[in-house]
């Protein structure tokens, strides 16, 4: 099924291609314009603003809480009926230490508040918390795709594996090139790898 989109596309491969192009352009703009500095850190509002900015050219639901239940494989994300309460709960979670930040990130992944694009938006959200609190971000290129996805699945039981992977990949390089490489690696996890952000 192809999601309704502003581009009027009905072919899933073409939609994926345009989604990668347009959202990576927006990710680059978010960083280069300085708008990334104005986002709330560690709140759903901050995440919603990231999602809205990235996906504004493609989906009417950009930045909006999903109105349907969604699952990936056998995993059911937070039920829509409890989603608003879940997001209020996550907003109040502490985010001072590395462990607290990754636990909060895992909870936001389980919430999966948007219809599409959760992983890509939430990894930027995580990097902003880490940068704000620890002056580091994740070098996503250092984390194997399958190891990361498996750790995310298992994080509903224990976040130790996820913490191990992320802690090893932390960097204090907060520059533009590192951010763009991180975007490309983050998109690769979701199957988008045709375009380099820095080339846009």
N, C-alpha and C. Protein backbone atom coordinates (compact mmCIF):
# COMPACT_ATOMS: atom_id res chain seq x y z
N UNK A 1 0.83 -1.20 0.00
CA UNK A 1 0.00 0.00 0.00
C UNK A 1 0.87 1.26 0.00
N UNK A 2 0.59 2.17 -0.89
CA UNK A 2 1.33 3.43 -0.96
C UNK A 2 0.58 4.47 -0.13
N UNK A 3 1.29 5.11 0.78
CA UNK A 3 0.65 6.14 1.62
C UNK A 3 0.22 7.32 0.77
N UNK A 4 -0.92 7.92 1.13
CA UNK A 4 -1.35 9.15 0.47
C UNK A 4 -0.25 10.19 0.65
N UNK A 5 0.05 10.89 -0.43
CA UNK A 5 1.15 11.85 -0.37
C UNK A 5 0.83 13.09 -1.19
N UNK A 6 1.51 14.17 -0.88
CA UNK A 6 1.27 15.45 -1.55
C UNK A 6 1.74 15.44 -2.99
N UNK A 7 2.59 14.48 -3.34
CA UNK A 7 3.13 14.42 -4.69
C UNK A 7 2.21 13.67 -5.65
N UNK A 8 1.17 13.04 -5.11
CA UNK A 8 0.23 12.29 -5.93
C UNK A 8 0.80 11.01 -6.50
N UNK A 9 1.86 10.51 -5.87
CA UNK A 9 2.52 9.29 -6.38
C UNK A 9 1.79 8.04 -5.92
N UNK A 10 1.70 7.06 -6.81
CA UNK A 10 1.03 5.80 -6.48
C UNK A 10 1.98 4.61 -6.61
N UNK A 11 3.21 4.89 -7.00
CA UNK A 11 4.23 3.84 -7.13
C UNK A 11 5.15 3.92 -5.91
N UNK A 12 5.27 2.81 -5.17
CA UNK A 12 6.01 2.85 -3.90
C UNK A 12 7.50 3.13 -4.11
N UNK A 13 8.08 2.60 -5.19
CA UNK A 13 9.50 2.84 -5.45
C UNK A 13 9.76 4.31 -5.77
N UNK A 14 8.88 4.91 -6.54
CA UNK A 14 9.03 6.33 -6.88
C UNK A 14 8.82 7.20 -5.65
N UNK A 15 7.86 6.83 -4.82
CA UNK A 15 7.63 7.58 -3.58
C UNK A 15 8.86 7.50 -2.68
N UNK A 16 9.44 6.32 -2.54
CA UNK A 16 10.63 6.15 -1.70
C UNK A 16 11.78 7.02 -2.21
N UNK A 17 11.94 7.07 -3.53
CA UNK A 17 13.01 7.87 -4.13
C UNK A 17 12.81 9.36 -3.83
N UNK A 18 11.59 9.84 -4.01
CA UNK A 18 11.29 11.25 -3.75
C UNK A 18 11.36 11.57 -2.25
N UNK A 19 10.95 10.61 -1.45
CA UNK A 19 10.99 10.82 0.00
C UNK A 19 12.44 10.98 0.47
N UNK A 20 13.31 10.13 -0.05
CA UNK A 20 14.73 10.25 0.33
C UNK A 20 15.29 11.60 -0.11
N UNK A 21 15.03 11.96 -1.35
CA UNK A 21 15.55 13.22 -1.88
C UNK A 21 15.05 14.43 -1.10
N UNK A 22 13.74 14.52 -0.94
CA UNK A 22 13.15 15.72 -0.34
C UNK A 22 13.44 15.83 1.15
N UNK A 23 13.41 14.70 1.86
CA UNK A 23 13.64 14.78 3.31
C UNK A 23 15.12 14.99 3.63
N UNK A 24 16.02 14.45 2.81
CA UNK A 24 17.44 14.72 3.04
C UNK A 24 17.77 16.19 2.74
N UNK A 25 17.12 16.76 1.74
CA UNK A 25 17.28 18.20 1.48
C UNK A 25 16.84 19.00 2.70
N UNK A 26 15.72 18.59 3.29
CA UNK A 26 15.20 19.29 4.47
C UNK A 26 16.11 19.08 5.68
N UNK A 27 16.68 17.88 5.82
CA UNK A 27 17.61 17.63 6.93
C UNK A 27 18.84 18.54 6.81
N UNK A 28 19.33 18.67 5.59
CA UNK A 28 20.48 19.55 5.35
C UNK A 28 20.11 21.00 5.68
N UNK A 29 18.93 21.41 5.25
CA UNK A 29 18.47 22.76 5.52
C UNK A 29 18.29 23.01 7.02
N UNK A 30 17.77 22.00 7.71
CA UNK A 30 17.56 22.11 9.16
C UNK A 30 18.87 22.45 9.86
N UNK A 31 19.96 21.80 9.44
CA UNK A 31 21.26 22.04 10.05
C UNK A 31 21.87 23.36 9.58
N UNK A 32 21.90 23.56 8.27
CA UNK A 32 22.62 24.72 7.72
C UNK A 32 21.93 26.05 8.02
N UNK A 33 20.60 26.02 8.18
CA UNK A 33 19.88 27.26 8.47
C UNK A 33 19.97 27.66 9.94
N UNK A 34 20.41 26.72 10.78
CA UNK A 34 20.45 26.99 12.22
C UNK A 34 19.13 26.72 12.92
N UNK A 35 18.11 26.29 12.16
CA UNK A 35 16.81 26.03 12.78
C UNK A 35 16.88 24.90 13.79
N UNK A 36 17.86 24.02 13.62
CA UNK A 36 18.03 22.91 14.54
C UNK A 36 18.33 23.40 15.96
N UNK A 37 18.90 24.62 16.04
CA UNK A 37 19.24 25.20 17.35
C UNK A 37 18.00 25.67 18.11
N UNK A 38 16.89 25.86 17.42
CA UNK A 38 15.67 26.41 18.03
C UNK A 38 14.72 25.33 18.54
N UNK A 39 15.06 24.06 18.33
CA UNK A 39 14.15 22.97 18.69
C UNK A 39 14.19 22.68 20.18
N UNK A 40 13.03 22.32 20.74
CA UNK A 40 12.99 21.85 22.12
C UNK A 40 13.77 20.54 22.21
N UNK A 41 14.48 20.37 23.32
CA UNK A 41 15.33 19.20 23.49
C UNK A 41 14.60 18.15 24.33
N UNK A 42 14.42 16.96 23.75
CA UNK A 42 13.92 15.83 24.51
C UNK A 42 12.43 15.82 24.78
N UNK A 43 11.67 16.64 24.05
CA UNK A 43 10.21 16.64 24.21
C UNK A 43 9.55 16.11 22.94
N UNK A 44 8.29 15.71 23.07
CA UNK A 44 7.58 15.32 21.87
C UNK A 44 7.43 16.51 20.92
N UNK A 45 7.24 17.71 21.48
CA UNK A 45 7.12 18.89 20.62
C UNK A 45 8.36 19.05 19.75
N UNK A 46 9.54 18.85 20.35
CA UNK A 46 10.78 18.93 19.58
C UNK A 46 10.83 17.89 18.48
N UNK A 47 10.42 16.66 18.82
CA UNK A 47 10.39 15.58 17.83
C UNK A 47 9.38 15.87 16.73
N UNK A 48 8.22 16.36 17.12
CA UNK A 48 7.18 16.70 16.15
C UNK A 48 7.67 17.77 15.17
N UNK A 49 8.41 18.76 15.70
CA UNK A 49 8.94 19.82 14.83
C UNK A 49 9.97 19.28 13.86
N UNK A 50 10.80 18.33 14.30
CA UNK A 50 11.77 17.69 13.40
C UNK A 50 11.02 16.94 12.29
N UNK A 51 10.04 16.14 12.70
CA UNK A 51 9.29 15.34 11.73
C UNK A 51 8.56 16.23 10.73
N UNK A 52 7.95 17.29 11.24
CA UNK A 52 7.21 18.21 10.37
C UNK A 52 8.15 18.85 9.35
N UNK A 53 9.34 19.24 9.81
CA UNK A 53 10.28 19.89 8.91
C UNK A 53 10.77 18.93 7.83
N UNK A 54 11.09 17.70 8.23
CA UNK A 54 11.61 16.73 7.27
C UNK A 54 10.58 16.32 6.22
N UNK A 55 9.35 16.09 6.67
CA UNK A 55 8.35 15.45 5.80
C UNK A 55 7.29 16.40 5.27
N UNK A 56 7.46 17.70 5.47
CA UNK A 56 6.44 18.69 5.10
C UNK A 56 6.11 18.69 3.61
N UNK A 57 7.07 18.30 2.77
CA UNK A 57 6.84 18.34 1.31
C UNK A 57 6.10 17.10 0.80
N UNK A 58 5.95 16.09 1.68
CA UNK A 58 5.47 14.80 1.20
C UNK A 58 4.14 14.38 1.81
N UNK A 59 4.00 14.56 3.11
CA UNK A 59 2.82 14.02 3.80
C UNK A 59 2.06 15.10 4.57
N UNK A 60 0.74 15.04 4.47
CA UNK A 60 -0.10 15.95 5.25
C UNK A 60 0.02 15.68 6.75
N UNK A 61 0.41 14.45 7.11
CA UNK A 61 0.50 14.10 8.53
C UNK A 61 1.86 14.46 9.14
N UNK A 62 2.71 15.17 8.42
CA UNK A 62 4.03 15.53 8.95
C UNK A 62 3.88 16.24 10.30
N UNK A 63 4.54 15.69 11.30
CA UNK A 63 4.52 16.29 12.64
C UNK A 63 3.29 15.99 13.46
N UNK A 64 2.34 15.25 12.90
CA UNK A 64 1.07 14.98 13.60
C UNK A 64 1.04 13.56 14.17
N UNK A 65 0.45 13.44 15.35
CA UNK A 65 0.31 12.13 15.98
C UNK A 65 -0.55 11.24 15.09
N UNK A 66 -0.09 10.00 14.90
CA UNK A 66 -0.82 9.07 14.02
C UNK A 66 -2.22 8.76 14.57
N UNK A 67 -3.12 8.46 13.65
CA UNK A 67 -4.51 8.15 14.01
C UNK A 67 -4.84 6.69 13.74
N UNK A 68 -3.81 5.89 13.52
CA UNK A 68 -4.00 4.45 13.27
C UNK A 68 -3.02 3.68 14.14
N UNK A 69 -3.32 2.40 14.38
CA UNK A 69 -2.37 1.51 15.03
C UNK A 69 -1.40 0.99 13.99
N UNK A 70 -0.14 0.86 14.37
CA UNK A 70 0.86 0.37 13.43
C UNK A 70 1.73 -0.70 14.09
N UNK A 71 2.30 -1.56 13.24
CA UNK A 71 3.17 -2.63 13.71
C UNK A 71 4.29 -2.80 12.69
N UNK A 72 5.39 -3.39 13.15
CA UNK A 72 6.49 -3.75 12.25
C UNK A 72 6.85 -5.19 12.57
N UNK A 73 6.71 -6.07 11.59
CA UNK A 73 6.89 -7.48 11.86
C UNK A 73 5.83 -7.94 12.87
N UNK A 74 6.27 -8.57 13.93
CA UNK A 74 5.35 -9.02 14.97
C UNK A 74 5.20 -8.02 16.10
N UNK A 75 5.88 -6.87 15.97
CA UNK A 75 5.87 -5.91 17.08
C UNK A 75 4.80 -4.84 16.87
N UNK A 76 3.95 -4.69 17.87
CA UNK A 76 2.89 -3.68 17.85
C UNK A 76 3.37 -2.45 18.62
N UNK A 77 3.37 -1.31 17.97
CA UNK A 77 3.76 -0.07 18.66
C UNK A 77 2.61 0.40 19.57
N UNK A 78 2.88 1.43 20.35
CA UNK A 78 1.90 1.89 21.33
C UNK A 78 0.52 2.08 20.69
N UNK A 79 -0.54 1.56 21.31
CA UNK A 79 -1.88 1.72 20.75
C UNK A 79 -2.25 3.20 20.61
N UNK A 80 -2.88 3.51 19.50
CA UNK A 80 -3.26 4.90 19.22
C UNK A 80 -4.08 5.52 20.35
N UNK A 81 -4.95 4.71 20.97
CA UNK A 81 -5.85 5.23 21.99
C UNK A 81 -5.10 5.74 23.22
N UNK A 82 -3.89 5.20 23.46
CA UNK A 82 -3.09 5.61 24.61
C UNK A 82 -1.90 6.49 24.23
N UNK A 83 -1.80 6.85 22.96
CA UNK A 83 -0.60 7.52 22.48
C UNK A 83 -0.36 8.88 23.12
N UNK A 84 -1.38 9.69 23.24
CA UNK A 84 -1.22 11.02 23.84
C UNK A 84 -0.69 10.91 25.28
N UNK A 85 -1.27 9.97 26.05
CA UNK A 85 -0.82 9.76 27.43
C UNK A 85 0.62 9.26 27.45
N UNK A 86 0.95 8.36 26.54
CA UNK A 86 2.31 7.82 26.47
C UNK A 86 3.31 8.92 26.21
N UNK A 87 2.99 9.83 25.29
CA UNK A 87 3.91 10.92 24.95
C UNK A 87 4.07 11.91 26.11
N UNK A 88 3.00 12.15 26.85
CA UNK A 88 3.10 13.00 28.05
C UNK A 88 4.02 12.36 29.08
N UNK A 89 3.91 11.05 29.23
CA UNK A 89 4.77 10.32 30.16
C UNK A 89 6.24 10.43 29.73
N UNK A 90 6.50 10.22 28.44
CA UNK A 90 7.88 10.27 27.93
C UNK A 90 8.47 11.67 28.11
N UNK A 91 7.66 12.70 27.89
CA UNK A 91 8.14 14.08 28.08
C UNK A 91 8.71 14.30 29.48
N UNK A 92 8.12 13.63 30.47
CA UNK A 92 8.53 13.85 31.86
C UNK A 92 9.70 12.99 32.29
N UNK A 93 10.11 12.05 31.46
CA UNK A 93 11.24 11.18 31.82
C UNK A 93 12.54 11.99 31.91
N UNK A 94 13.41 11.63 32.86
CA UNK A 94 14.69 12.35 32.98
C UNK A 94 15.59 12.08 31.78
N UNK A 95 16.51 13.00 31.51
CA UNK A 95 17.42 12.87 30.37
C UNK A 95 18.77 13.51 30.70
N UNK A 96 19.26 13.26 31.90
CA UNK A 96 20.51 13.88 32.34
C UNK A 96 21.72 12.99 32.08
N UNK A 97 21.56 11.68 32.24
CA UNK A 97 22.68 10.75 32.07
C UNK A 97 22.52 9.98 30.76
N UNK A 98 23.60 9.33 30.34
CA UNK A 98 23.55 8.51 29.13
C UNK A 98 22.46 7.45 29.24
N UNK A 99 22.43 6.73 30.37
CA UNK A 99 21.44 5.68 30.54
C UNK A 99 20.01 6.22 30.45
N UNK A 100 19.76 7.36 31.09
CA UNK A 100 18.41 7.95 31.05
C UNK A 100 18.03 8.35 29.63
N UNK A 101 18.99 8.90 28.90
CA UNK A 101 18.72 9.36 27.52
C UNK A 101 18.37 8.17 26.62
N UNK A 102 19.11 7.08 26.72
CA UNK A 102 18.84 5.92 25.85
C UNK A 102 17.53 5.24 26.25
N UNK A 103 17.24 5.19 27.54
CA UNK A 103 15.95 4.64 27.99
C UNK A 103 14.80 5.47 27.42
N UNK A 104 14.96 6.78 27.43
CA UNK A 104 13.92 7.67 26.90
C UNK A 104 13.77 7.47 25.39
N UNK A 105 14.89 7.33 24.70
CA UNK A 105 14.88 7.08 23.26
C UNK A 105 14.15 5.78 22.94
N UNK A 106 14.43 4.75 23.73
CA UNK A 106 13.77 3.45 23.52
C UNK A 106 12.26 3.58 23.72
N UNK A 107 11.86 4.31 24.74
CA UNK A 107 10.43 4.50 24.99
C UNK A 107 9.76 5.26 23.84
N UNK A 108 10.47 6.26 23.29
CA UNK A 108 9.89 7.02 22.17
C UNK A 108 9.77 6.13 20.94
N UNK A 109 10.71 5.21 20.76
CA UNK A 109 10.61 4.28 19.64
C UNK A 109 9.38 3.39 19.78
N UNK A 110 9.12 2.91 21.00
CA UNK A 110 7.93 2.07 21.24
C UNK A 110 6.66 2.89 20.97
N UNK A 111 6.68 4.17 21.32
CA UNK A 111 5.52 5.04 21.06
C UNK A 111 5.28 5.18 19.56
N UNK A 112 6.37 5.35 18.79
CA UNK A 112 6.27 5.48 17.33
C UNK A 112 5.12 6.41 16.95
N UNK A 113 5.23 7.70 17.30
CA UNK A 113 4.06 8.58 17.23
C UNK A 113 3.55 8.94 15.84
N UNK A 114 4.34 8.70 14.80
CA UNK A 114 3.95 9.15 13.46
C UNK A 114 3.59 7.97 12.56
N UNK A 115 2.88 8.27 11.51
CA UNK A 115 2.44 7.23 10.57
C UNK A 115 3.62 6.64 9.81
N UNK A 116 4.63 7.45 9.55
CA UNK A 116 5.81 7.04 8.78
C UNK A 116 6.95 7.96 9.19
N UNK A 117 8.19 7.48 9.08
CA UNK A 117 9.36 8.34 9.31
C UNK A 117 9.78 8.48 10.75
N UNK A 118 9.34 7.58 11.61
CA UNK A 118 9.67 7.67 13.04
C UNK A 118 11.17 7.53 13.30
N UNK A 119 11.77 6.49 12.73
CA UNK A 119 13.19 6.23 13.01
C UNK A 119 14.08 7.38 12.61
N UNK A 120 13.87 7.90 11.42
CA UNK A 120 14.72 8.98 10.91
C UNK A 120 14.60 10.25 11.75
N UNK A 121 13.38 10.59 12.12
CA UNK A 121 13.18 11.79 12.94
C UNK A 121 13.70 11.58 14.37
N UNK A 122 13.46 10.39 14.93
CA UNK A 122 13.81 10.15 16.33
C UNK A 122 15.32 10.03 16.53
N UNK A 123 16.06 9.57 15.52
CA UNK A 123 17.51 9.52 15.68
C UNK A 123 18.12 10.93 15.70
N UNK A 124 17.54 11.88 14.95
CA UNK A 124 17.98 13.28 15.06
C UNK A 124 17.64 13.81 16.45
N UNK A 125 16.44 13.50 16.92
CA UNK A 125 15.98 13.91 18.26
C UNK A 125 16.94 13.39 19.33
N UNK A 126 17.36 12.13 19.21
CA UNK A 126 18.30 11.54 20.15
C UNK A 126 19.63 12.28 20.11
N UNK A 127 20.14 12.54 18.92
CA UNK A 127 21.42 13.25 18.81
C UNK A 127 21.36 14.63 19.46
N UNK A 128 20.23 15.31 19.36
CA UNK A 128 20.10 16.63 19.97
C UNK A 128 20.14 16.54 21.49
N UNK A 129 19.53 15.50 22.06
CA UNK A 129 19.59 15.33 23.52
C UNK A 129 21.02 15.03 23.94
N UNK A 130 21.67 14.10 23.24
CA UNK A 130 23.06 13.75 23.58
C UNK A 130 23.99 14.95 23.46
N UNK A 131 23.78 15.75 22.42
CA UNK A 131 24.62 16.93 22.22
C UNK A 131 24.40 17.93 23.35
N UNK A 132 23.13 18.13 23.72
CA UNK A 132 22.79 19.10 24.75
C UNK A 132 23.31 18.69 26.12
N UNK A 133 23.19 17.41 26.44
CA UNK A 133 23.52 16.94 27.79
C UNK A 133 24.96 16.44 27.93
N UNK A 134 25.49 15.80 26.88
CA UNK A 134 26.80 15.16 26.99
C UNK A 134 27.84 15.72 26.02
N UNK A 135 27.42 16.67 25.16
CA UNK A 135 28.30 17.27 24.14
C UNK A 135 28.87 16.22 23.19
N UNK A 136 28.04 15.22 22.89
CA UNK A 136 28.40 14.17 21.94
C UNK A 136 27.18 13.85 21.08
N UNK A 137 27.44 13.22 19.92
CA UNK A 137 26.36 12.66 19.11
C UNK A 137 26.77 11.24 18.71
N UNK A 138 25.87 10.53 18.07
CA UNK A 138 26.16 9.17 17.63
C UNK A 138 26.76 9.21 16.23
N UNK A 139 27.89 8.51 16.06
CA UNK A 139 28.41 8.27 14.71
C UNK A 139 27.70 7.01 14.21
N UNK A 140 26.56 7.22 13.55
CA UNK A 140 25.71 6.10 13.15
C UNK A 140 26.43 5.16 12.18
N UNK A 141 27.47 5.64 11.51
CA UNK A 141 28.24 4.78 10.61
C UNK A 141 28.97 3.66 11.35
N UNK A 142 29.16 3.84 12.65
CA UNK A 142 29.88 2.85 13.46
C UNK A 142 28.97 1.71 13.95
N UNK A 143 27.67 1.83 13.70
CA UNK A 143 26.71 0.84 14.20
C UNK A 143 26.13 0.04 13.04
N UNK A 144 26.35 -1.25 13.06
CA UNK A 144 25.84 -2.14 12.03
C UNK A 144 24.31 -2.11 12.00
N UNK A 145 23.76 -2.06 10.80
CA UNK A 145 22.31 -1.97 10.63
C UNK A 145 21.56 -3.09 11.35
N UNK A 146 21.94 -4.33 11.11
CA UNK A 146 21.22 -5.46 11.71
C UNK A 146 21.38 -5.49 13.22
N UNK A 147 22.58 -5.18 13.71
CA UNK A 147 22.79 -5.14 15.16
C UNK A 147 21.92 -4.06 15.80
N UNK A 148 21.84 -2.91 15.13
CA UNK A 148 21.02 -1.81 15.65
C UNK A 148 19.53 -2.19 15.68
N UNK A 149 19.03 -2.72 14.56
CA UNK A 149 17.61 -3.06 14.49
C UNK A 149 17.24 -4.15 15.50
N UNK A 150 18.12 -5.13 15.68
CA UNK A 150 17.87 -6.17 16.66
C UNK A 150 17.90 -5.61 18.08
N UNK A 151 18.83 -4.71 18.34
CA UNK A 151 18.91 -4.09 19.67
C UNK A 151 17.67 -3.25 19.96
N UNK A 152 17.14 -2.59 18.92
CA UNK A 152 15.92 -1.79 19.10
C UNK A 152 14.73 -2.71 19.43
N UNK A 153 14.64 -3.85 18.77
CA UNK A 153 13.56 -4.80 19.07
C UNK A 153 13.67 -5.28 20.51
N UNK A 154 14.91 -5.62 20.91
CA UNK A 154 15.10 -6.16 22.26
C UNK A 154 15.06 -5.10 23.35
N UNK A 155 15.11 -3.82 22.95
CA UNK A 155 15.13 -2.75 23.95
C UNK A 155 13.82 -2.65 24.74
N UNK A 156 12.77 -3.29 24.24
CA UNK A 156 11.51 -3.30 25.00
C UNK A 156 11.64 -4.17 26.25
N UNK A 157 12.60 -5.08 26.24
CA UNK A 157 12.87 -5.94 27.40
C UNK A 157 14.05 -5.40 28.20
N UNK A 158 15.12 -5.06 27.48
CA UNK A 158 16.32 -4.50 28.11
C UNK A 158 17.02 -3.58 27.11
N UNK A 159 17.47 -2.41 27.60
CA UNK A 159 18.16 -1.46 26.73
C UNK A 159 19.68 -1.63 26.78
N UNK A 160 20.17 -2.66 27.46
CA UNK A 160 21.62 -2.81 27.64
C UNK A 160 22.36 -2.98 26.32
N UNK A 161 21.81 -3.79 25.42
CA UNK A 161 22.46 -4.02 24.13
C UNK A 161 22.51 -2.72 23.32
N UNK A 162 21.41 -1.99 23.31
CA UNK A 162 21.33 -0.71 22.60
C UNK A 162 22.33 0.29 23.19
N UNK A 163 22.41 0.33 24.51
CA UNK A 163 23.35 1.24 25.17
C UNK A 163 24.79 0.90 24.80
N UNK A 164 25.09 -0.38 24.75
CA UNK A 164 26.44 -0.82 24.39
C UNK A 164 26.81 -0.35 22.98
N UNK A 165 25.90 -0.56 22.03
CA UNK A 165 26.16 -0.16 20.64
C UNK A 165 26.34 1.34 20.50
N UNK A 166 25.46 2.09 21.15
CA UNK A 166 25.49 3.56 21.02
C UNK A 166 26.69 4.15 21.75
N UNK A 167 26.97 3.63 22.94
CA UNK A 167 28.10 4.18 23.71
C UNK A 167 29.42 4.04 22.95
N UNK A 168 29.60 2.90 22.28
CA UNK A 168 30.82 2.68 21.50
C UNK A 168 30.93 3.65 20.32
N UNK A 169 29.79 4.15 19.86
CA UNK A 169 29.75 4.96 18.63
C UNK A 169 29.65 6.46 18.90
N UNK A 170 29.73 6.87 20.15
CA UNK A 170 29.63 8.30 20.46
C UNK A 170 30.87 9.05 19.97
N UNK A 171 30.63 10.25 19.48
CA UNK A 171 31.73 11.10 19.02
C UNK A 171 31.50 12.53 19.50
N UNK A 172 32.60 13.26 19.69
CA UNK A 172 32.46 14.67 20.06
C UNK A 172 32.62 15.57 18.84
N UNK A 173 32.62 14.96 17.64
CA UNK A 173 32.62 15.72 16.39
C UNK A 173 31.18 16.15 16.10
N UNK A 174 30.89 17.43 16.32
CA UNK A 174 29.52 17.94 16.15
C UNK A 174 29.38 18.76 14.86
N UNK A 175 30.32 18.58 13.96
CA UNK A 175 30.34 19.39 12.74
C UNK A 175 29.34 18.95 11.68
N UNK A 176 29.27 19.75 10.65
CA UNK A 176 28.32 19.55 9.56
C UNK A 176 28.53 18.22 8.84
N UNK A 177 29.78 17.90 8.52
CA UNK A 177 30.05 16.67 7.77
C UNK A 177 29.61 15.44 8.56
N UNK A 178 29.88 15.45 9.86
CA UNK A 178 29.49 14.32 10.70
C UNK A 178 27.97 14.20 10.75
N UNK A 179 27.27 15.33 10.84
CA UNK A 179 25.81 15.33 10.86
C UNK A 179 25.26 14.72 9.56
N UNK A 180 25.79 15.15 8.42
CA UNK A 180 25.31 14.66 7.13
C UNK A 180 25.59 13.16 6.96
N UNK A 181 26.77 12.70 7.38
CA UNK A 181 27.09 11.28 7.32
C UNK A 181 26.14 10.49 8.22
N UNK A 182 25.80 11.08 9.37
CA UNK A 182 24.87 10.44 10.28
C UNK A 182 23.49 10.31 9.68
N UNK A 183 23.05 11.33 8.97
CA UNK A 183 21.75 11.27 8.28
C UNK A 183 21.75 10.13 7.26
N UNK A 184 22.82 10.04 6.47
CA UNK A 184 22.89 8.99 5.44
C UNK A 184 22.86 7.60 6.08
N UNK A 185 23.60 7.41 7.18
CA UNK A 185 23.61 6.10 7.85
C UNK A 185 22.25 5.80 8.46
N UNK A 186 21.63 6.80 9.05
CA UNK A 186 20.31 6.65 9.66
C UNK A 186 19.28 6.23 8.60
N UNK A 187 19.35 6.84 7.44
CA UNK A 187 18.43 6.51 6.35
C UNK A 187 18.70 5.10 5.81
N UNK A 188 19.98 4.71 5.82
CA UNK A 188 20.35 3.38 5.35
C UNK A 188 19.66 2.29 6.18
N UNK A 189 19.50 2.54 7.48
CA UNK A 189 18.80 1.58 8.34
C UNK A 189 17.39 1.31 7.83
N UNK A 190 16.79 2.30 7.19
CA UNK A 190 15.40 2.19 6.73
C UNK A 190 15.32 1.81 5.25
N UNK A 191 16.47 1.55 4.63
CA UNK A 191 16.47 1.12 3.23
C UNK A 191 16.62 2.24 2.22
N UNK A 192 17.03 3.44 2.68
CA UNK A 192 17.22 4.58 1.78
C UNK A 192 18.72 4.87 1.68
N UNK A 193 19.30 4.68 0.49
CA UNK A 193 20.76 4.84 0.38
C UNK A 193 21.20 5.34 -0.99
N UNK A 194 20.29 5.92 -1.76
CA UNK A 194 20.62 6.33 -3.13
C UNK A 194 21.33 7.69 -3.19
N UNK A 195 21.12 8.52 -2.19
CA UNK A 195 21.56 9.92 -2.26
C UNK A 195 22.42 10.26 -1.05
N UNK A 196 23.51 11.01 -1.29
CA UNK A 196 24.32 11.51 -0.18
C UNK A 196 23.84 12.91 0.18
N UNK A 197 23.60 13.12 1.47
CA UNK A 197 23.09 14.41 1.92
C UNK A 197 24.01 15.56 1.53
N UNK A 198 25.31 15.35 1.68
CA UNK A 198 26.26 16.45 1.41
C UNK A 198 26.26 16.86 -0.06
N UNK A 199 25.77 15.98 -0.96
CA UNK A 199 25.75 16.30 -2.40
C UNK A 199 24.55 17.14 -2.82
N UNK A 200 23.59 17.30 -1.92
CA UNK A 200 22.36 18.01 -2.29
C UNK A 200 22.55 19.52 -2.31
